[in-house]
């Protein structure tokens, strides 16, 4: 898990052009969604490239993706 980034309550794992978003539950991780990095807003992509998980644009993008997943019933 050393390649995972922590963004708020979520874990981010980049795999090529895809970003996996997950949440830790005890010792396990539940992966909620995979998103094409190219669909993220430019400021969020730039923050991801820098590894800046405290960046407001990246945090907002992750929260929005998670909220969409919740609304879909995931």
C-alpha atoms as a PDB file:
ATOM      1  CA  UNK A   1       0.000   0.000   0.000  1.00  0.00           C
ATOM      2  CA  UNK A   2       3.006   2.295  -0.063  1.00  0.00           C
ATOM      3  CA  UNK A   3       1.831   3.813  -3.374  1.00  0.00           C
ATOM      4  CA  UNK A   4      -1.512   4.840  -1.890  1.00  0.00           C
ATOM      5  CA  UNK A   5      -2.152   8.469  -1.046  1.00  0.00           C
ATOM      6  CA  UNK A   6      -4.409   9.623   1.775  1.00  0.00           C
ATOM      7  CA  UNK A   7      -6.872  12.364   0.883  1.00  0.00           C
ATOM      8  CA  UNK A   8      -9.095  13.149   3.851  1.00  0.00           C
ATOM      9  CA  UNK A   9     -10.937   9.939   4.741  1.00  0.00           C
ATOM     10  CA  UNK A  10     -10.091   8.294   1.416  1.00  0.00           C
ATOM     11  CA  UNK A  11      -7.248   6.391  -0.158  1.00  0.00           C
ATOM     12  CA  UNK A  12      -6.146   7.135  -3.690  1.00  0.00           C
ATOM     13  CA  UNK A  13      -4.282   4.658  -5.858  1.00  0.00           C
ATOM     14  CA  UNK A  14      -3.099   5.602  -9.319  1.00  0.00           C
ATOM     15  CA  UNK A  15      -2.909   2.873 -11.928  1.00  0.00           C
ATOM     16  CA  UNK A  16      -1.821   4.375 -15.235  1.00  0.00           C
ATOM     17  CA  UNK A  17      -4.567   6.732 -16.370  1.00  0.00           C
ATOM     18  CA  UNK A  18      -7.009   5.537 -13.708  1.00  0.00           C
ATOM     19  CA  UNK A  19      -7.479   6.683 -10.135  1.00  0.00           C
ATOM     20  CA  UNK A  20      -8.989   4.226  -7.647  1.00  0.00           C
ATOM     21  CA  UNK A  21     -10.721   5.779  -4.652  1.00  0.00           C
ATOM     22  CA  UNK A  22     -11.211   3.745  -1.515  1.00  0.00           C
ATOM     23  CA  UNK A  23     -11.991   3.933   2.156  1.00  0.00           C
ATOM     24  CA  UNK A  24     -10.241   2.094   4.956  1.00  0.00           C
ATOM     25  CA  UNK A  25     -12.512  -0.085   7.078  1.00  0.00           C
ATOM     26  CA  UNK A  26     -10.468  -1.517   9.898  1.00  0.00           C
ATOM     27  CA  UNK A  27      -7.534  -3.373   8.369  1.00  0.00           C
ATOM     28  CA  UNK A  28      -9.192  -3.591   4.951  1.00  0.00           C
ATOM     29  CA  UNK A  29      -9.809  -1.117   2.145  1.00  0.00           C
ATOM     30  CA  UNK A  30     -13.104  -0.935   0.287  1.00  0.00           C
ATOM     31  CA  UNK A  31     -12.479   0.431  -3.194  1.00  0.00           C
ATOM     32  CA  UNK A  32     -15.424   2.611  -4.102  1.00  0.00           C
ATOM     33  CA  UNK A  33     -14.777   3.746  -7.632  1.00  0.00           C
ATOM     34  CA  UNK A  34     -12.265   3.969 -10.460  1.00  0.00           C
ATOM     35  CA  UNK A  35     -12.104   7.232 -12.373  1.00  0.00           C
ATOM     36  CA  UNK A  36     -10.231   8.202 -15.521  1.00  0.00           C
ATOM     37  CA  UNK A  37      -7.722  10.819 -14.361  1.00  0.00           C
ATOM     38  CA  UNK A  38      -8.392  12.826 -17.523  1.00  0.00           C
ATOM     39  CA  UNK A  39     -11.944  13.470 -16.264  1.00  0.00           C
ATOM     40  CA  UNK A  40     -10.678  15.304 -13.186  1.00  0.00           C
ATOM     41  CA  UNK A  41     -10.544  19.103 -13.352  1.00  0.00           C
ATOM     42  CA  UNK A  42      -7.074  20.401 -14.265  1.00  0.00           C
ATOM     43  CA  UNK A  43      -6.316  21.777 -10.762  1.00  0.00           C
ATOM     44  CA  UNK A  44      -7.159  18.378  -9.231  1.00  0.00           C
ATOM     45  CA  UNK A  45      -4.970  16.568 -11.796  1.00  0.00           C
ATOM     46  CA  UNK A  46      -2.097  18.946 -11.062  1.00  0.00           C
ATOM     47  CA  UNK A  47      -2.439  18.331  -7.320  1.00  0.00           C
ATOM     48  CA  UNK A  48      -2.488  14.578  -7.927  1.00  0.00           C
ATOM     49  CA  UNK A  49       0.685  14.844 -10.009  1.00  0.00           C
ATOM     50  CA  UNK A  50       2.353  16.760  -7.163  1.00  0.00           C
ATOM     51  CA  UNK A  51       1.062  14.282  -4.591  1.00  0.00           C
ATOM     52  CA  UNK A  52      -0.607  17.198  -2.800  1.00  0.00           C
ATOM     53  CA  UNK A  53      -3.557  15.500  -1.159  1.00  0.00           C
ATOM     54  CA  UNK A  54      -4.281  18.587   0.956  1.00  0.00           C
ATOM     55  CA  UNK A  55      -5.072  20.600  -2.173  1.00  0.00           C
ATOM     56  CA  UNK A  56      -8.654  21.901  -2.107  1.00  0.00           C
ATOM     57  CA  UNK A  57      -9.315  21.047  -5.776  1.00  0.00           C
ATOM     58  CA  UNK A  58      -8.289  17.418  -5.334  1.00  0.00           C
ATOM     59  CA  UNK A  59     -10.193  17.094  -2.081  1.00  0.00           C
ATOM     60  CA  UNK A  60     -13.340  18.503  -3.708  1.00  0.00           C
ATOM     61  CA  UNK A  61     -12.990  16.189  -6.708  1.00  0.00           C
ATOM     62  CA  UNK A  62     -12.598  13.119  -4.477  1.00  0.00           C
ATOM     63  CA  UNK A  63     -15.553  14.105  -2.297  1.00  0.00           C
ATOM     64  CA  UNK A  64     -17.693  14.689  -5.372  1.00  0.00           C
ATOM     65  CA  UNK A  65     -16.810  11.282  -6.819  1.00  0.00           C
ATOM     66  CA  UNK A  66     -17.572   9.576  -3.518  1.00  0.00           C
ATOM     67  CA  UNK A  67     -20.893  11.455  -3.220  1.00  0.00           C
ATOM     68  CA  UNK A  68     -21.856  10.352  -6.734  1.00  0.00           C
ATOM     69  CA  UNK A  69     -21.047   6.759  -5.781  1.00  0.00           C
ATOM     70  CA  UNK A  70     -23.242   7.039  -2.670  1.00  0.00           C
ATOM     71  CA  UNK A  71     -26.114   8.481  -4.700  1.00  0.00           C
ATOM     72  CA  UNK A  72     -25.804   5.617  -7.200  1.00  0.00           C
ATOM     73  CA  UNK A  73     -26.155   3.232  -4.282  1.00  0.00           C
ATOM     74  CA  UNK A  74     -22.580   1.971  -4.210  1.00  0.00           C
END
